[in-house]
Amino acid sequence: AAIIGIVVVMTPLTDEAIPQNEASPQSSALVANKELPPTLDQYPK
């Protein structure tokens, strides 16, 4: 089982990762600035 692959453990980028509305955690976390969404360089690491 352990060598099948970790895709079963890590569900890659589910739909919940897409901001759905202003109140969602993803919306505030991933699109912190509504006027200008972060570029790749600006995204907090």
PDB file of all heavy atoms in Angstrom:
ATOM      1  N   ALA A   1       0.819  -1.208   0.000  1.00  0.00           N
ATOM      2  CA  ALA A   1       0.000   0.000   0.000  1.00  0.00           C
ATOM      3  C   ALA A   1       0.853   1.257   0.000  1.00  0.00           C
ATOM      4  O   ALA A   1       0.489   2.258  -0.599  1.00  0.00           O
ATOM      5  CB  ALA A   1      -0.925   0.012   1.204  1.00  0.00           C
ATOM      6  N   ALA A   2       1.997   1.202   0.672  1.00  0.00           N
ATOM      7  CA  ALA A   2       2.788   2.417   0.833  1.00  0.00           C
ATOM      8  C   ALA A   2       3.486   2.833  -0.438  1.00  0.00           C
ATOM      9  O   ALA A   2       3.941   3.956  -0.533  1.00  0.00           O
ATOM     10  CB  ALA A   2       3.822   2.234   1.927  1.00  0.00           C
ATOM     11  N   ILE A   3       3.606   1.948  -1.411  1.00  0.00           N
ATOM     12  CA  ILE A   3       4.305   2.337  -2.638  1.00  0.00           C
ATOM     13  C   ILE A   3       3.333   2.551  -3.785  1.00  0.00           C
ATOM     14  O   ILE A   3       3.722   2.633  -4.925  1.00  0.00           O
ATOM     15  CB  ILE A   3       5.373   1.302  -3.020  1.00  0.00           C
ATOM     16  CG1 ILE A   3       4.770  -0.064  -3.304  1.00  0.00           C
ATOM     17  CG2 ILE A   3       6.424   1.198  -1.954  1.00  0.00           C
ATOM     18  CD1 ILE A   3       5.767  -1.052  -3.810  1.00  0.00           C
ATOM     19  N   ILE A   4       2.059   2.644  -3.482  1.00  0.00           N
ATOM     20  CA  ILE A   4       1.087   2.923  -4.534  1.00  0.00           C
ATOM     21  C   ILE A   4       1.256   4.347  -5.028  1.00  0.00           C
ATOM     22  O   ILE A   4       1.117   4.638  -6.201  1.00  0.00           O
ATOM     23  CB  ILE A   4      -0.335   2.688  -4.000  1.00  0.00           C
ATOM     24  CG1 ILE A   4      -0.550   1.199  -3.739  1.00  0.00           C
ATOM     25  CG2 ILE A   4      -1.373   3.195  -4.992  1.00  0.00           C
ATOM     26  CD1 ILE A   4      -1.855   0.894  -3.058  1.00  0.00           C
ATOM     27  N   GLY A   5       1.577   5.276  -4.108  1.00  0.00           N
ATOM     28  CA  GLY A   5       1.749   6.667  -4.500  1.00  0.00           C
ATOM     29  C   GLY A   5       0.990   7.563  -3.556  1.00  0.00           C
ATOM     30  O   GLY A   5      -0.030   7.175  -2.999  1.00  0.00           O
ATOM     31  N   ILE A   6       1.469   8.782  -3.374  1.00  0.00           N
ATOM     32  CA  ILE A   6       0.888   9.609  -2.341  1.00  0.00           C
ATOM     33  C   ILE A   6      -0.276  10.430  -2.840  1.00  0.00           C
ATOM     34  O   ILE A   6      -0.819  11.224  -2.092  1.00  0.00           O
ATOM     35  CB  ILE A   6       1.957  10.539  -1.749  1.00  0.00           C
ATOM     36  CG1 ILE A   6       2.600  11.366  -2.840  1.00  0.00           C
ATOM     37  CG2 ILE A   6       2.985   9.772  -1.007  1.00  0.00           C
ATOM     38  CD1 ILE A   6       3.615  12.329  -2.336  1.00  0.00           C
ATOM     39  N   VAL A   7      -0.716  10.207  -4.064  1.00  0.00           N
ATOM     40  CA  VAL A   7      -1.864  10.958  -4.551  1.00  0.00           C
ATOM     41  C   VAL A   7      -3.108  10.643  -3.740  1.00  0.00           C
ATOM     42  O   VAL A   7      -4.018  11.448  -3.628  1.00  0.00           O
ATOM     43  CB  VAL A   7      -2.096  10.690  -6.055  1.00  0.00           C
ATOM     44  CG1 VAL A   7      -2.672   9.327  -6.284  1.00  0.00           C
ATOM     45  CG2 VAL A   7      -2.974  11.772  -6.653  1.00  0.00           C
ATOM     46  N   VAL A   8      -3.158   9.465  -3.110  1.00  0.00           N
ATOM     47  CA  VAL A   8      -4.302   9.137  -2.277  1.00  0.00           C
ATOM     48  C   VAL A   8      -4.303   9.953  -1.003  1.00  0.00           C
ATOM     49  O   VAL A   8      -5.332  10.177  -0.415  1.00  0.00           O
ATOM     50  CB  VAL A   8      -4.294   7.653  -1.891  1.00  0.00           C
ATOM     51  CG1 VAL A   8      -5.437   6.941  -2.485  1.00  0.00           C
ATOM     52  CG2 VAL A   8      -3.006   6.996  -2.178  1.00  0.00           C
ATOM     53  N   VAL A   9      -3.139  10.347  -0.529  1.00  0.00           N
ATOM     54  CA  VAL A   9      -3.048  11.090   0.718  1.00  0.00           C
ATOM     55  C   VAL A   9      -3.218  12.577   0.467  1.00  0.00           C
ATOM     56  O   VAL A   9      -3.925  13.258   1.181  1.00  0.00           O
ATOM     57  CB  VAL A   9      -1.697  10.822   1.402  1.00  0.00           C
ATOM     58  CG1 VAL A   9      -1.588  11.608   2.700  1.00  0.00           C
ATOM     59  CG2 VAL A   9      -1.545   9.339   1.676  1.00  0.00           C
ATOM     60  N   MET A  10      -2.553  13.074  -0.565  1.00  0.00           N
ATOM     61  CA  MET A  10      -2.632  14.489  -0.880  1.00  0.00           C
ATOM     62  C   MET A  10      -3.629  14.702  -1.999  1.00  0.00           C
ATOM     63  O   MET A  10      -3.381  14.308  -3.128  1.00  0.00           O
ATOM     64  CB  MET A  10      -1.262  15.008  -1.329  1.00  0.00           C
ATOM     65  CG  MET A  10      -0.224  15.008  -0.245  1.00  0.00           C
ATOM     66  SD  MET A  10       1.279  15.763  -0.809  1.00  0.00           S
ATOM     67  CE  MET A  10       1.857  14.545  -1.953  1.00  0.00           C
ATOM     68  N   THR A  11      -4.761  15.301  -1.694  1.00  0.00           N
ATOM     69  CA  THR A  11      -5.721  15.604  -2.742  1.00  0.00           C
ATOM     70  C   THR A  11      -5.322  16.920  -3.375  1.00  0.00           C
ATOM     71  O   THR A  11      -5.412  17.965  -2.729  1.00  0.00           O
ATOM     72  CB  THR A  11      -7.136  15.722  -2.166  1.00  0.00           C
ATOM     73  OG1 THR A  11      -7.421  14.516  -1.464  1.00  0.00           O
ATOM     74  CG2 THR A  11      -8.155  15.924  -3.267  1.00  0.00           C
ATOM     75  N   PRO A  12      -4.844  16.892  -4.620  1.00  0.00           N
ATOM     76  CA  PRO A  12      -4.255  18.100  -5.185  1.00  0.00           C
ATOM     77  C   PRO A  12      -5.295  19.157  -5.520  1.00  0.00           C
ATOM     78  O   PRO A  12      -6.210  18.908  -6.292  1.00  0.00           O
ATOM     79  CB  PRO A  12      -3.558  17.610  -6.451  1.00  0.00           C
ATOM     80  CG  PRO A  12      -3.566  16.126  -6.362  1.00  0.00           C
ATOM     81  CD  PRO A  12      -4.737  15.769  -5.508  1.00  0.00           C
ATOM     82  N   LEU A  13      -5.184  20.323  -4.912  1.00  0.00           N
ATOM     83  CA  LEU A  13      -5.914  21.518  -5.316  1.00  0.00           C
ATOM     84  C   LEU A  13      -7.390  21.260  -5.570  1.00  0.00           C
ATOM     85  O   LEU A  13      -7.862  21.282  -6.696  1.00  0.00           O
ATOM     86  CB  LEU A  13      -5.264  22.113  -6.569  1.00  0.00           C
ATOM     87  CG  LEU A  13      -3.832  22.590  -6.364  1.00  0.00           C
ATOM     88  CD1 LEU A  13      -3.236  23.031  -7.675  1.00  0.00           C
ATOM     89  CD2 LEU A  13      -3.757  23.703  -5.364  1.00  0.00           C
ATOM     90  N   THR A  14      -8.127  20.965  -4.525  1.00  0.00           N
ATOM     91  CA  THR A  14      -9.555  20.716  -4.656  1.00  0.00           C
ATOM     92  C   THR A  14     -10.275  22.000  -5.024  1.00  0.00           C
ATOM     93  O   THR A  14      -9.714  23.100  -4.962  1.00  0.00           O
ATOM     94  CB  THR A  14     -10.120  20.184  -3.337  1.00  0.00           C
ATOM     95  OG1 THR A  14      -9.900  21.160  -2.332  1.00  0.00           O
ATOM     96  CG2 THR A  14      -9.441  18.892  -2.931  1.00  0.00           C
ATOM     97  N   ASP A  15     -11.555  21.854  -5.360  1.00  0.00           N
ATOM     98  CA  ASP A  15     -12.326  23.035  -5.752  1.00  0.00           C
ATOM     99  C   ASP A  15     -12.388  24.071  -4.636  1.00  0.00           C
ATOM    100  O   ASP A  15     -12.557  25.254  -4.878  1.00  0.00           O
ATOM    101  CB  ASP A  15     -13.754  22.631  -6.143  1.00  0.00           C
ATOM    102  CG  ASP A  15     -13.774  21.923  -7.484  1.00  0.00           C
ATOM    103  OD1 ASP A  15     -12.910  22.224  -8.316  1.00  0.00           O
ATOM    104  OD2 ASP A  15     -14.655  21.075  -7.693  1.00  0.00           O
ATOM    105  N   GLU A  16     -12.242  23.584  -3.375  1.00  0.00           N
ATOM    106  CA  GLU A  16     -12.299  24.519  -2.271  1.00  0.00           C
ATOM    107  C   GLU A  16     -11.140  25.508  -2.301  1.00  0.00           C
ATOM    108  O   GLU A  16     -11.161  26.534  -1.620  1.00  0.00           O
ATOM    109  CB  GLU A  16     -12.293  23.761  -0.938  1.00  0.00           C
ATOM    110  CG  GLU A  16     -13.605  23.058  -0.625  1.00  0.00           C
ATOM    111  CD  GLU A  16     -13.827  21.802  -1.444  1.00  0.00           C
ATOM    112  OE1 GLU A  16     -12.845  21.321  -2.039  1.00  0.00           O
ATOM    113  OE2 GLU A  16     -14.965  21.313  -1.495  1.00  0.00           O
ATOM    114  N   ALA A  17     -10.079  25.187  -3.055  1.00  0.00           N
ATOM    115  CA  ALA A  17      -8.952  26.107  -3.152  1.00  0.00           C
ATOM    116  C   ALA A  17      -9.289  27.329  -3.986  1.00  0.00           C
ATOM    117  O   ALA A  17      -8.592  28.327  -3.948  1.00  0.00           O
ATOM    118  CB  ALA A  17      -7.742  25.401  -3.750  1.00  0.00           C
ATOM    119  N   ILE A  18     -10.395  27.260  -4.761  1.00  0.00           N
ATOM    120  CA  ILE A  18     -10.815  28.390  -5.579  1.00  0.00           C
ATOM    121  C   ILE A  18     -11.711  29.289  -4.739  1.00  0.00           C
ATOM    122  O   ILE A  18     -12.701  28.827  -4.173  1.00  0.00           O
ATOM    123  CB  ILE A  18     -11.586  27.903  -6.822  1.00  0.00           C
ATOM    124  CG1 ILE A  18     -10.696  26.966  -7.636  1.00  0.00           C
ATOM    125  CG2 ILE A  18     -12.044  29.073  -7.666  1.00  0.00           C
ATOM    126  CD1 ILE A  18     -11.407  26.343  -8.791  1.00  0.00           C
ATOM    127  N   PRO A  19     -11.398  30.561  -4.604  1.00  0.00           N
ATOM    128  CA  PRO A  19     -12.253  31.440  -3.805  1.00  0.00           C
ATOM    129  C   PRO A  19     -13.662  31.493  -4.377  1.00  0.00           C
ATOM    130  O   PRO A  19     -13.852  31.780  -5.545  1.00  0.00           O
ATOM    131  CB  PRO A  19     -11.547  32.794  -3.883  1.00  0.00           C
ATOM    132  CG  PRO A  19     -10.591  32.699  -5.020  1.00  0.00           C
ATOM    133  CD  PRO A  19     -10.242  31.265  -5.165  1.00  0.00           C
ATOM    134  N   GLN A  20     -14.677  31.211  -3.520  1.00  0.00           N
ATOM    135  CA  GLN A  20     -16.059  31.163  -3.972  1.00  0.00           C
ATOM    136  C   GLN A  20     -16.808  32.467  -3.675  1.00  0.00           C
ATOM    137  O   GLN A  20     -17.698  32.855  -4.402  1.00  0.00           O
ATOM    138  CB  GLN A  20     -16.781  29.996  -3.291  1.00  0.00           C
ATOM    139  CG  GLN A  20     -16.137  28.648  -3.574  1.00  0.00           C
ATOM    140  CD  GLN A  20     -16.195  28.275  -5.038  1.00  0.00           C
ATOM    141  OE1 GLN A  20     -17.227  28.423  -5.690  1.00  0.00           O
ATOM    142  NE2 GLN A  20     -15.086  27.808  -5.577  1.00  0.00           N
ATOM    143  N   ASN A  21     -16.495  33.087  -2.542  1.00  0.00           N
ATOM    144  CA  ASN A  21     -17.111  34.368  -2.216  1.00  0.00           C
ATOM    145  C   ASN A  21     -16.199  35.109  -1.244  1.00  0.00           C
ATOM    146  O   ASN A  21     -15.240  34.558  -0.733  1.00  0.00           O
ATOM    147  CB  ASN A  21     -18.518  34.173  -1.632  1.00  0.00           C
ATOM    148  CG  ASN A  21     -18.491  33.237  -0.442  1.00  0.00           C
ATOM    149  OD1 ASN A  21     -17.808  33.519   0.529  1.00  0.00           O
ATOM    150  ND2 ASN A  21     -19.227  32.127  -0.529  1.00  0.00           N
ATOM    151  N   GLU A  22     -16.552  36.350  -0.930  1.00  0.00           N
ATOM    152  CA  GLU A  22     -15.666  37.168  -0.121  1.00  0.00           C
ATOM    153  C   GLU A  22     -15.518  36.651   1.296  1.00  0.00           C
ATOM    154  O   GLU A  22     -14.546  36.941   1.974  1.00  0.00           O
ATOM    155  CB  GLU A  22     -16.178  38.611  -0.107  1.00  0.00           C
ATOM    156  CG  GLU A  22     -16.091  39.274  -1.476  1.00  0.00           C
ATOM    157  CD  GLU A  22     -16.569  40.703  -1.430  1.00  0.00           C
ATOM    158  OE1 GLU A  22     -16.526  41.305  -0.341  1.00  0.00           O
ATOM    159  OE2 GLU A  22     -16.981  41.226  -2.469  1.00  0.00           O
ATOM    160  N   ALA A  23     -16.496  35.872   1.767  1.00  0.00           N
ATOM    161  CA  ALA A  23     -16.467  35.428   3.160  1.00  0.00           C
ATOM    162  C   ALA A  23     -15.680  34.145   3.370  1.00  0.00           C
ATOM    163  O   ALA A  23     -15.405  33.768   4.490  1.00  0.00           O
ATOM    164  CB  ALA A  23     -17.897  35.204   3.664  1.00  0.00           C
ATOM    165  N   SER A  24     -15.327  33.451   2.283  1.00  0.00           N
ATOM    166  CA  SER A  24     -14.661  32.163   2.439  1.00  0.00           C
ATOM    167  C   SER A  24     -13.229  32.358   2.898  1.00  0.00           C
ATOM    168  O   SER A  24     -12.585  33.352   2.554  1.00  0.00           O
ATOM    169  CB  SER A  24     -14.673  31.401   1.114  1.00  0.00           C
ATOM    170  OG  SER A  24     -13.779  32.000   0.221  1.00  0.00           O
ATOM    171  N   PRO A  25     -12.689  31.406   3.710  1.00  0.00           N
ATOM    172  CA  PRO A  25     -11.289  31.509   4.153  1.00  0.00           C
ATOM    173  C   PRO A  25     -10.328  31.581   2.983  1.00  0.00           C
ATOM    174  O   PRO A  25      -9.343  32.309   3.024  1.00  0.00           O
ATOM    175  CB  PRO A  25     -11.084  30.233   4.973  1.00  0.00           C
ATOM    176  CG  PRO A  25     -12.459  29.804   5.372  1.00  0.00           C
ATOM    177  CD  PRO A  25     -13.348  30.231   4.261  1.00  0.00           C
ATOM    178  N   GLN A  26     -10.642  30.811   1.929  1.00  0.00           N
ATOM    179  CA  GLN A  26      -9.734  30.836   0.786  1.00  0.00           C
ATOM    180  C   GLN A  26      -9.717  32.201   0.118  1.00  0.00           C
ATOM    181  O   GLN A  26      -8.706  32.661  -0.377  1.00  0.00           O
ATOM    182  CB  GLN A  26     -10.147  29.769  -0.239  1.00  0.00           C
ATOM    183  CG  GLN A  26      -9.845  28.357   0.187  1.00  0.00           C
ATOM    184  CD  GLN A  26     -10.874  27.825   1.173  1.00  0.00           C
ATOM    185  OE1 GLN A  26     -11.947  28.406   1.328  1.00  0.00           O
ATOM    186  NE2 GLN A  26     -10.541  26.750   1.855  1.00  0.00           N
ATOM    187  N   SER A  27     -10.889  32.845   0.124  1.00  0.00           N
ATOM    188  CA  SER A  27     -10.946  34.142  -0.529  1.00  0.00           C
ATOM    189  C   SER A  27     -10.052  35.141   0.188  1.00  0.00           C
ATOM    190  O   SER A  27      -9.314  35.879  -0.444  1.00  0.00           O
ATOM    191  CB  SER A  27     -12.396  34.651  -0.547  1.00  0.00           C
ATOM    192  OG  SER A  27     -12.465  35.919  -1.131  1.00  0.00           O
ATOM    193  N   SER A  28     -10.104  35.156   1.530  1.00  0.00           N
ATOM    194  CA  SER A  28      -9.286  36.115   2.259  1.00  0.00           C
ATOM    195  C   SER A  28      -7.816  35.718   2.268  1.00  0.00           C
ATOM    196  O   SER A  28      -6.939  36.580   2.279  1.00  0.00           O
ATOM    197  CB  SER A  28      -9.801  36.238   3.696  1.00  0.00           C
ATOM    198  OG  SER A  28      -9.747  34.975   4.326  1.00  0.00           O
ATOM    199  N   ALA A  29      -7.529  34.422   2.254  1.00  0.00           N
ATOM    200  CA  ALA A  29      -6.142  33.977   2.363  1.00  0.00           C
ATOM    201  C   ALA A  29      -5.414  34.055   1.037  1.00  0.00           C
ATOM    202  O   ALA A  29      -4.256  34.459   0.976  1.00  0.00           O
ATOM    203  CB  ALA A  29      -6.090  32.541   2.891  1.00  0.00           C
ATOM    204  N   LEU A  30      -6.100  33.660  -0.027  1.00  0.00           N
ATOM    205  CA  LEU A  30      -5.425  33.557  -1.312  1.00  0.00           C
ATOM    206  C   LEU A  30      -5.580  34.812  -2.167  1.00  0.00           C
ATOM    207  O   LEU A  30      -4.794  35.054  -3.064  1.00  0.00           O
ATOM    208  CB  LEU A  30      -5.952  32.342  -2.083  1.00  0.00           C
ATOM    209  CG  LEU A  30      -5.671  31.001  -1.413  1.00  0.00           C
ATOM    210  CD1 LEU A  30      -6.311  29.880  -2.209  1.00  0.00           C
ATOM    211  CD2 LEU A  30      -4.183  30.763  -1.290  1.00  0.00           C
ATOM    212  N   VAL A  31      -6.614  35.577  -1.934  1.00  0.00           N
ATOM    213  CA  VAL A  31      -6.788  36.822  -2.679  1.00  0.00           C
ATOM    214  C   VAL A  31      -6.904  37.922  -1.635  1.00  0.00           C
ATOM    215  O   VAL A  31      -7.965  38.464  -1.373  1.00  0.00           O
ATOM    216  CB  VAL A  31      -8.037  36.764  -3.582  1.00  0.00           C
ATOM    217  CG1 VAL A  31      -8.042  37.946  -4.544  1.00  0.00           C
ATOM    218  CG2 VAL A  31      -8.062  35.472  -4.374  1.00  0.00           C
ATOM    219  N   ALA A  32      -5.791  38.234  -1.001  1.00  0.00           N
ATOM    220  CA  ALA A  32      -5.797  39.145   0.131  1.00  0.00           C
ATOM    221  C   ALA A  32      -6.183  40.561  -0.297  1.00  0.00           C
ATOM    222  O   ALA A  32      -6.829  41.293   0.438  1.00  0.00           O
ATOM    223  CB  ALA A  32      -4.435  39.145   0.807  1.00  0.00           C
ATOM    224  N   ASN A  33      -5.784  40.975  -1.491  1.00  0.00           N
ATOM    225  CA  ASN A  33      -6.048  42.322  -1.974  1.00  0.00           C
ATOM    226  C   ASN A  33      -7.006  42.244  -3.147  1.00  0.00           C
ATOM    227  O   ASN A  33      -6.651  41.808  -4.222  1.00  0.00           O
ATOM    228  CB  ASN A  33      -4.724  42.975  -2.409  1.00  0.00           C
ATOM    229  CG  ASN A  33      -4.894  44.431  -2.795  1.00  0.00           C
ATOM    230  OD1 ASN A  33      -5.984  44.864  -3.145  1.00  0.00           O
ATOM    231  ND2 ASN A  33      -3.800  45.173  -2.697  1.00  0.00           N
ATOM    232  N   LYS A  34      -8.266  42.666  -2.925  1.00  0.00           N
ATOM    233  CA  LYS A  34      -9.269  42.552  -3.995  1.00  0.00           C
ATOM    234  C   LYS A  34      -8.926  43.462  -5.171  1.00  0.00           C
ATOM    235  O   LYS A  34      -9.335  43.193  -6.293  1.00  0.00           O
ATOM    236  CB  LYS A  34     -10.646  42.908  -3.446  1.00  0.00           C
ATOM    237  CG  LYS A  34     -11.217  41.851  -2.513  1.00  0.00           C
ATOM    238  CD  LYS A  34     -12.563  42.254  -1.953  1.00  0.00           C
ATOM    239  CE  LYS A  34     -13.559  42.498  -3.068  1.00  0.00           C
ATOM    240  NZ  LYS A  34     -14.887  42.878  -2.546  1.00  0.00           N
ATOM    241  N   GLU A  35      -8.234  44.554  -4.886  1.00  0.00           N
ATOM    242  CA  GLU A  35      -7.915  45.469  -5.981  1.00  0.00           C
ATOM    243  C   GLU A  35      -6.857  44.865  -6.907  1.00  0.00           C
ATOM    244  O   GLU A  35      -6.903  45.040  -8.106  1.00  0.00           O
ATOM    245  CB  GLU A  35      -7.406  46.794  -5.410  1.00  0.00           C
ATOM    246  CG  GLU A  35      -8.409  47.514  -4.517  1.00  0.00           C
ATOM    247  CD  GLU A  35      -9.698  47.817  -5.252  1.00  0.00           C
ATOM    248  OE1 GLU A  35      -9.623  48.180  -6.441  1.00  0.00           O
ATOM    249  OE2 GLU A  35     -10.776  47.700  -4.642  1.00  0.00           O
ATOM    250  N   LEU A  36      -5.923  44.164  -6.321  1.00  0.00           N
ATOM    251  CA  LEU A  36      -4.826  43.612  -7.123  1.00  0.00           C
ATOM    252  C   LEU A  36      -4.394  42.268  -6.529  1.00  0.00           C
ATOM    253  O   LEU A  36      -3.687  42.250  -5.530  1.00  0.00           O
ATOM    254  CB  LEU A  36      -3.636  44.573  -7.148  1.00  0.00           C
ATOM    255  CG  LEU A  36      -2.447  44.151  -8.015  1.00  0.00           C
ATOM    256  CD1 LEU A  36      -2.849  44.087  -9.476  1.00  0.00           C
ATOM    257  CD2 LEU A  36      -1.284  45.103  -7.822  1.00  0.00           C
ATOM    258  N   PRO A  37      -4.832  41.166  -7.082  1.00  0.00           N
ATOM    259  CA  PRO A  37      -4.431  39.846  -6.566  1.00  0.00           C
ATOM    260  C   PRO A  37      -2.916  39.708  -6.615  1.00  0.00           C
ATOM    261  O   PRO A  37      -2.253  40.313  -7.459  1.00  0.00           O
ATOM    262  CB  PRO A  37      -5.115  38.863  -7.536  1.00  0.00           C
ATOM    263  CG  PRO A  37      -6.218  39.644  -8.165  1.00  0.00           C
ATOM    264  CD  PRO A  37      -5.735  41.055  -8.236  1.00  0.00           C
ATOM    265  N   PRO A  38      -2.350  38.938  -5.682  1.00  0.00           N
ATOM    266  CA  PRO A  38      -0.886  38.824  -5.618  1.00  0.00           C
ATOM    267  C   PRO A  38      -0.310  38.151  -6.851  1.00  0.00           C
ATOM    268  O   PRO A  38      -0.902  37.239  -7.401  1.00  0.00           O
ATOM    269  CB  PRO A  38      -0.656  37.973  -4.373  1.00  0.00           C
ATOM    270  CG  PRO A  38      -1.927  37.223  -4.192  1.00  0.00           C
ATOM    271  CD  PRO A  38      -3.008  38.117  -4.676  1.00  0.00           C
ATOM    272  N   THR A  39       0.832  38.639  -7.287  1.00  0.00           N
ATOM    273  CA  THR A  39       1.568  37.937  -8.333  1.00  0.00           C
ATOM    274  C   THR A  39       2.340  36.797  -7.678  1.00  0.00           C
ATOM    275  O   THR A  39       2.361  36.653  -6.463  1.00  0.00           O
ATOM    276  CB  THR A  39       2.551  38.883  -9.030  1.00  0.00           C
ATOM    277  OG1 THR A  39       3.535  39.283  -8.078  1.00  0.00           O
ATOM    278  CG2 THR A  39       1.832  40.108  -9.570  1.00  0.00           C
ATOM    279  N   LEU A  40       3.000  35.996  -8.496  1.00  0.00           N
ATOM    280  CA  LEU A  40       3.776  34.889  -7.942  1.00  0.00           C
ATOM    281  C   LEU A  40       4.862  35.382  -6.992  1.00  0.00           C
ATOM    282  O   LEU A  40       5.125  34.778  -5.958  1.00  0.00           O
ATOM    283  CB  LEU A  40       4.403  34.070  -9.067  1.00  0.00           C
ATOM    284  CG  LEU A  40       3.406  33.336  -9.980  1.00  0.00           C
ATOM    285  CD1 LEU A  40       4.175  32.568 -11.035  1.00  0.00           C
ATOM    286  CD2 LEU A  40       2.519  32.408  -9.185  1.00  0.00           C
ATOM    287  N   ASP A  41       5.510  36.504  -7.340  1.00  0.00           N
ATOM    288  CA  ASP A  41       6.573  37.025  -6.479  1.00  0.00           C
ATOM    289  C   ASP A  41       6.025  37.598  -5.180  1.00  0.00           C
ATOM    290  O   ASP A  41       6.709  37.604  -4.157  1.00  0.00           O
ATOM    291  CB  ASP A  41       7.370  38.102  -7.219  1.00  0.00           C
ATOM    292  CG  ASP A  41       8.154  37.511  -8.374  1.00  0.00           C
ATOM    293  OD1 ASP A  41       8.481  36.306  -8.303  1.00  0.00           O
ATOM    294  OD2 ASP A  41       8.428  38.243  -9.331  1.00  0.00           O
ATOM    295  N   GLN A  42       4.790  38.094  -5.205  1.00  0.00           N
ATOM    296  CA  GLN A  42       4.212  38.717  -4.024  1.00  0.00           C
ATOM    297  C   GLN A  42       3.546  37.713  -3.091  1.00  0.00           C
ATOM    298  O   GLN A  42       3.247  38.034  -1.952  1.00  0.00           O
ATOM    299  CB  GLN A  42       3.163  39.754  -4.446  1.00  0.00           C
ATOM    300  CG  GLN A  42       3.758  40.926  -5.218  1.00  0.00           C
ATOM    301  CD  GLN A  42       2.678  41.775  -5.863  1.00  0.00           C
ATOM    302  OE1 GLN A  42       1.608  41.287  -6.203  1.00  0.00           O
ATOM    303  NE2 GLN A  42       2.965  43.066  -6.034  1.00  0.00           N
ATOM    304  N   TYR A  43       3.313  36.512  -3.592  1.00  0.00           N
ATOM    305  CA  TYR A  43       2.575  35.531  -2.781  1.00  0.00           C
ATOM    306  C   TYR A  43       3.399  35.145  -1.554  1.00  0.00           C
ATOM    307  O   TYR A  43       4.572  34.801  -1.666  1.00  0.00           O
ATOM    308  CB  TYR A  43       2.271  34.280  -3.615  1.00  0.00           C
ATOM    309  CG  TYR A  43       1.193  33.430  -3.001  1.00  0.00           C
ATOM    310  CD1 TYR A  43      -0.136  33.637  -3.308  1.00  0.00           C
ATOM    311  CD2 TYR A  43       1.514  32.435  -2.087  1.00  0.00           C
ATOM    312  CE1 TYR A  43      -1.123  32.871  -2.733  1.00  0.00           C
ATOM    313  CE2 TYR A  43       0.533  31.668  -1.497  1.00  0.00           C
ATOM    314  CZ  TYR A  43      -0.788  31.887  -1.824  1.00  0.00           C
ATOM    315  OH  TYR A  43      -1.775  31.131  -1.251  1.00  0.00           O
ATOM    316  N   PRO A  44       2.814  35.207  -0.333  1.00  0.00           N
ATOM    317  CA  PRO A  44       3.594  34.898   0.879  1.00  0.00           C
ATOM    318  C   PRO A  44       4.003  33.433   0.927  1.00  0.00           C
ATOM    319  O   PRO A  44       3.209  32.543   0.655  1.00  0.00           O
ATOM    320  CB  PRO A  44       2.612  35.236   2.010  1.00  0.00           C
ATOM    321  CG  PRO A  44       1.256  35.096   1.395  1.00  0.00           C
ATOM    322  CD  PRO A  44       1.415  35.526  -0.030  1.00  0.00           C
ATOM    323  N   LYS A  45       5.259  33.189   1.280  1.00  0.00           N
ATOM    324  CA  LYS A  45       5.772  31.835   1.349  1.00  0.00           C
ATOM    325  C   LYS A  45       5.950  31.411   2.805  1.00  0.00           C
ATOM    326  O   LYS A  45       6.492  32.157   3.614  1.00  0.00           O
ATOM    327  CB  LYS A  45       7.107  31.715   0.608  1.00  0.00           C
ATOM    328  CG  LYS A  45       6.976  31.957  -0.893  1.00  0.00           C
ATOM    329  CD  LYS A  45       8.309  31.786  -1.593  1.00  0.00           C
ATOM    330  CE  LYS A  45       8.166  32.039  -3.084  1.00  0.00           C
ATOM    331  NZ  LYS A  45       9.438  31.871  -3.801  1.00  0.00           N
TER     332      LYS A  45
END
